[in-house]
Amino acid sequence: MRNFFFISHLSLGMAIHIGKKIKDELYKQGISVSTFARKINRSRNVVYDIFERESIDTALLNKIGIILRLDFFSIYSDQKEYKKEGVQSLYVRDEKAPYNTHSEQLKALEKQNELLLSEIAYLKKIVDLMEDKKKSPNKKIKK
């Protein structure tokens, strides 16, 4: 028996129309309904039905998020109902999820930071050599 969880504005007391959010993002990215339908393994009619939904199965929403490279679940967690005191966040880290690019971005920024730090060290050496040359203009600089 398979359990399904549905994201619903009724169960959370929120006015989120997830189908509209998906539709807006699909058009924003310039992806055709046919292409999108093929990627989520649904018919075009089902996709148009999704656009009308106010709630959606979480497994399908996850699949859509992966295809569109967008975390639709954050739409719900950003709501003020989740920001109330005493509400704890549950983080399930899935490093394989393509829309979870924060860790990839962090790694890229850390690498860029290392490169910049080494470049700064190199430039400091150049400045030191230039200052040494300025102090003693007749002194030869060793290579």
C-alpha atoms as a PDB file:
ATOM      1  CA  MET A   1       0.000   0.000   0.000  1.00  0.00           C
ATOM      2  CA  ARG A   2       1.430   3.330  -1.035  1.00  0.00           C
ATOM      3  CA  ASN A   3       0.957   6.393   1.157  1.00  0.00           C
ATOM      4  CA  PHE A   4       0.422   9.738  -0.529  1.00  0.00           C
ATOM      5  CA  PHE A   5       0.852  13.077   1.097  1.00  0.00           C
ATOM      6  CA  PHE A   6      -0.877  16.046  -0.391  1.00  0.00           C
ATOM      7  CA  ILE A   7       0.199  19.640  -0.126  1.00  0.00           C
ATOM      8  CA  SER A   8      -3.002  21.555   0.301  1.00  0.00           C
ATOM      9  CA  HIS A   9      -3.907  25.103   1.137  1.00  0.00           C
ATOM     10  CA  LEU A  10      -6.863  23.748   3.137  1.00  0.00           C
ATOM     11  CA  SER A  11      -4.834  21.514   5.426  1.00  0.00           C
ATOM     12  CA  LEU A  12      -2.267  24.248   6.087  1.00  0.00           C
ATOM     13  CA  GLY A  13      -4.661  27.179   6.191  1.00  0.00           C
ATOM     14  CA  MET A  14      -2.822  28.921   3.347  1.00  0.00           C
ATOM     15  CA  ALA A  15      -3.989  30.518   0.148  1.00  0.00           C
ATOM     16  CA  ILE A  16      -1.461  28.966  -2.225  1.00  0.00           C
ATOM     17  CA  HIS A  17      -2.535  27.840  -5.662  1.00  0.00           C
ATOM     18  CA  ILE A  18       0.305  25.451  -6.455  1.00  0.00           C
ATOM     19  CA  GLY A  19      -0.957  24.717  -9.976  1.00  0.00           C
ATOM     20  CA  LYS A  20      -0.729  28.381 -10.871  1.00  0.00           C
ATOM     21  CA  LYS A  21       2.797  28.576  -9.438  1.00  0.00           C
ATOM     22  CA  ILE A  22       3.847  25.591 -11.548  1.00  0.00           C
ATOM     23  CA  LYS A  23       2.209  27.039 -14.671  1.00  0.00           C
ATOM     24  CA  ASP A  24       3.854  30.437 -14.132  1.00  0.00           C
ATOM     25  CA  GLU A  25       7.276  28.843 -13.703  1.00  0.00           C
ATOM     26  CA  LEU A  26       6.819  26.608 -16.740  1.00  0.00           C
ATOM     27  CA  TYR A  27       6.021  29.582 -18.966  1.00  0.00           C
ATOM     28  CA  LYS A  28       8.724  31.691 -17.333  1.00  0.00           C
ATOM     29  CA  GLN A  29      11.290  29.046 -18.299  1.00  0.00           C
ATOM     30  CA  GLY A  30       9.858  28.798 -21.818  1.00  0.00           C
ATOM     31  CA  ILE A  31       9.120  25.080 -21.611  1.00  0.00           C
ATOM     32  CA  SER A  32       6.249  23.834 -23.734  1.00  0.00           C
ATOM     33  CA  VAL A  33       3.413  21.894 -22.138  1.00  0.00           C
ATOM     34  CA  SER A  34       4.188  18.919 -24.395  1.00  0.00           C
ATOM     35  CA  THR A  35       7.837  18.819 -23.372  1.00  0.00           C
ATOM     36  CA  PHE A  36       6.952  19.214 -19.715  1.00  0.00           C
ATOM     37  CA  ALA A  37       4.296  16.488 -19.943  1.00  0.00           C
ATOM     38  CA  ARG A  38       6.832  14.108 -21.468  1.00  0.00           C
ATOM     39  CA  LYS A  39       9.403  14.899 -18.747  1.00  0.00           C
ATOM     40  CA  ILE A  40       6.969  14.185 -15.899  1.00  0.00           C
ATOM     41  CA  ASN A  41       5.558  11.176 -17.745  1.00  0.00           C
ATOM     42  CA  ARG A  42       2.025  12.583 -17.948  1.00  0.00           C
ATOM     43  CA  SER A  43      -0.295  13.595 -20.780  1.00  0.00           C
ATOM     44  CA  ARG A  44      -0.817  17.205 -21.829  1.00  0.00           C
ATOM     45  CA  ASN A  45      -4.361  16.991 -20.424  1.00  0.00           C
ATOM     46  CA  VAL A  46      -2.976  15.985 -17.026  1.00  0.00           C
ATOM     47  CA  VAL A  47      -0.567  18.928 -17.127  1.00  0.00           C
ATOM     48  CA  TYR A  48      -3.429  21.327 -17.813  1.00  0.00           C
ATOM     49  CA  ASP A  49      -5.272  19.647 -14.923  1.00  0.00           C
ATOM     50  CA  ILE A  50      -2.220  20.250 -12.678  1.00  0.00           C
ATOM     51  CA  PHE A  51      -2.367  23.953 -13.563  1.00  0.00           C
ATOM     52  CA  GLU A  52      -5.906  24.051 -12.098  1.00  0.00           C
ATOM     53  CA  ARG A  53      -5.002  22.267  -8.851  1.00  0.00           C
ATOM     54  CA  GLU A  54      -4.824  24.038  -5.534  1.00  0.00           C
ATOM     55  CA  SER A  55      -3.137  20.995  -3.975  1.00  0.00           C
ATOM     56  CA  ILE A  56      -0.821  18.331  -5.329  1.00  0.00           C
ATOM     57  CA  ASP A  57       0.717  15.001  -4.404  1.00  0.00           C
ATOM     58  CA  THR A  58       4.143  15.633  -2.846  1.00  0.00           C
ATOM     59  CA  ALA A  59       5.873  12.988  -4.975  1.00  0.00           C
ATOM     60  CA  LEU A  60       4.590  14.702  -8.123  1.00  0.00           C
ATOM     61  CA  LEU A  61       5.526  18.125  -6.763  1.00  0.00           C
ATOM     62  CA  ASN A  62       9.022  16.828  -6.045  1.00  0.00           C
ATOM     63  CA  LYS A  63       9.316  15.469  -9.589  1.00  0.00           C
ATOM     64  CA  ILE A  64       8.084  18.776 -11.029  1.00  0.00           C
ATOM     65  CA  GLY A  65      10.584  20.632  -8.842  1.00  0.00           C
ATOM     66  CA  ILE A  66      13.415  18.488 -10.151  1.00  0.00           C
ATOM     67  CA  ILE A  67      12.368  19.057 -13.774  1.00  0.00           C
ATOM     68  CA  LEU A  68      11.961  22.824 -13.316  1.00  0.00           C
ATOM     69  CA  ARG A  69      14.949  23.045 -10.943  1.00  0.00           C
ATOM     70  CA  LEU A  70      12.877  24.846  -8.342  1.00  0.00           C
ATOM     71  CA  ASP A  71      11.999  23.977  -4.756  1.00  0.00           C
ATOM     72  CA  PHE A  72       8.221  24.395  -4.699  1.00  0.00           C
ATOM     73  CA  PHE A  73       8.110  23.178  -1.104  1.00  0.00           C
ATOM     74  CA  SER A  74       9.787  26.406  -0.001  1.00  0.00           C
ATOM     75  CA  ILE A  75       6.643  28.262  -1.080  1.00  0.00           C
ATOM     76  CA  TYR A  76       4.876  26.586   1.813  1.00  0.00           C
ATOM     77  CA  SER A  77       7.670  26.835   4.375  1.00  0.00           C
ATOM     78  CA  ASP A  78       8.057  30.571   3.700  1.00  0.00           C
ATOM     79  CA  GLN A  79       4.478  31.194   4.838  1.00  0.00           C
ATOM     80  CA  LYS A  80       3.962  33.066   8.084  1.00  0.00           C
ATOM     81  CA  GLU A  81       2.211  30.047   9.644  1.00  0.00           C
ATOM     82  CA  TYR A  82       5.587  28.293   9.611  1.00  0.00           C
ATOM     83  CA  LYS A  83       7.392  31.316  11.008  1.00  0.00           C
ATOM     84  CA  LYS A  84       5.467  31.240  14.288  1.00  0.00           C
ATOM     85  CA  GLU A  85       7.298  30.587  17.521  1.00  0.00           C
ATOM     86  CA  GLY A  86       7.534  26.914  18.396  1.00  0.00           C
ATOM     87  CA  VAL A  87       7.376  25.644  14.811  1.00  0.00           C
ATOM     88  CA  GLN A  88      10.498  23.632  14.107  1.00  0.00           C
ATOM     89  CA  SER A  89      12.081  23.109  10.724  1.00  0.00           C
ATOM     90  CA  LEU A  90      12.657  19.617   9.442  1.00  0.00           C
ATOM     91  CA  TYR A  91      15.554  19.356   7.050  1.00  0.00           C
ATOM     92  CA  VAL A  92      15.956  16.250   4.962  1.00  0.00           C
ATOM     93  CA  ARG A  93      19.057  16.652   2.878  1.00  0.00           C
ATOM     94  CA  ASP A  94      19.058  14.947  -0.477  1.00  0.00           C
ATOM     95  CA  GLU A  95      22.329  15.806  -2.172  1.00  0.00           C
ATOM     96  CA  LYS A  96      21.131  14.163  -5.388  1.00  0.00           C
ATOM     97  CA  ALA A  97      18.191  16.539  -5.860  1.00  0.00           C
ATOM     98  CA  PRO A  98      19.052  18.808  -8.803  1.00  0.00           C
ATOM     99  CA  TYR A  99      17.117  21.747  -7.420  1.00  0.00           C
ATOM    100  CA  ASN A 100      19.113  21.580  -4.193  1.00  0.00           C
ATOM    101  CA  THR A 101      21.933  23.690  -5.583  1.00  0.00           C
ATOM    102  CA  HIS A 102      22.803  25.586  -2.420  1.00  0.00           C
ATOM    103  CA  SER A 103      25.521  23.087  -1.460  1.00  0.00           C
ATOM    104  CA  GLU A 104      26.887  23.163  -5.030  1.00  0.00           C
ATOM    105  CA  GLN A 105      26.884  26.953  -5.009  1.00  0.00           C
ATOM    106  CA  LEU A 106      28.607  26.978  -1.629  1.00  0.00           C
ATOM    107  CA  LYS A 107      31.335  24.629  -2.887  1.00  0.00           C
ATOM    108  CA  ALA A 108      31.846  26.782  -5.981  1.00  0.00           C
ATOM    109  CA  LEU A 109      32.066  29.931  -3.837  1.00  0.00           C
ATOM    110  CA  GLU A 110      34.541  28.266  -1.470  1.00  0.00           C
ATOM    111  CA  LYS A 111      36.725  27.271  -4.425  1.00  0.00           C
ATOM    112  CA  GLN A 112      36.489  30.795  -5.841  1.00  0.00           C
ATOM    113  CA  ASN A 113      37.403  32.175  -2.412  1.00  0.00           C
ATOM    114  CA  GLU A 114      40.513  29.945  -2.279  1.00  0.00           C
ATOM    115  CA  LEU A 115      41.581  31.151  -5.714  1.00  0.00           C
ATOM    116  CA  LEU A 116      41.057  34.771  -4.725  1.00  0.00           C
ATOM    117  CA  LEU A 117      43.052  34.305  -1.518  1.00  0.00           C
ATOM    118  CA  SER A 118      45.962  32.790  -3.449  1.00  0.00           C
ATOM    119  CA  GLU A 119      45.766  35.652  -5.963  1.00  0.00           C
ATOM    120  CA  ILE A 120      45.838  38.171  -3.103  1.00  0.00           C
ATOM    121  CA  ALA A 121      48.935  36.467  -1.663  1.00  0.00           C
ATOM    122  CA  TYR A 122      50.591  36.616  -5.099  1.00  0.00           C
ATOM    123  CA  LEU A 123      49.724  40.314  -5.491  1.00  0.00           C
ATOM    124  CA  LYS A 124      51.107  41.041  -2.014  1.00  0.00           C
ATOM    125  CA  LYS A 125      54.402  39.469  -3.075  1.00  0.00           C
ATOM    126  CA  ILE A 126      54.458  41.696  -6.150  1.00  0.00           C
ATOM    127  CA  VAL A 127      53.760  44.785  -4.025  1.00  0.00           C
ATOM    128  CA  ASP A 128      56.523  43.793  -1.583  1.00  0.00           C
ATOM    129  CA  LEU A 129      58.975  43.376  -4.473  1.00  0.00           C
ATOM    130  CA  MET A 130      57.986  46.758  -5.887  1.00  0.00           C
ATOM    131  CA  GLU A 131      58.418  48.422  -2.500  1.00  0.00           C
ATOM    132  CA  ASP A 132      61.826  46.781  -2.097  1.00  0.00           C
ATOM    133  CA  LYS A 133      62.788  48.055  -5.572  1.00  0.00           C
ATOM    134  CA  LYS A 134      61.578  51.567  -4.639  1.00  0.00           C
ATOM    135  CA  LYS A 135      63.642  51.551  -1.415  1.00  0.00           C
ATOM    136  CA  SER A 136      66.810  50.399  -3.150  1.00  0.00           C
ATOM    137  CA  PRO A 137      66.551  51.184  -6.862  1.00  0.00           C
ATOM    138  CA  ASN A 138      70.053  49.816  -7.603  1.00  0.00           C
ATOM    139  CA  LYS A 139      69.378  46.468  -5.928  1.00  0.00           C
ATOM    140  CA  LYS A 140      68.622  43.619  -8.329  1.00  0.00           C
ATOM    141  CA  ILE A 141      65.552  41.551  -7.689  1.00  0.00           C
ATOM    142  CA  LYS A 142      66.171  37.789  -7.503  1.00  0.00           C
ATOM    143  CA  LYS A 143      63.959  35.605  -9.593  1.00  0.00           C
END
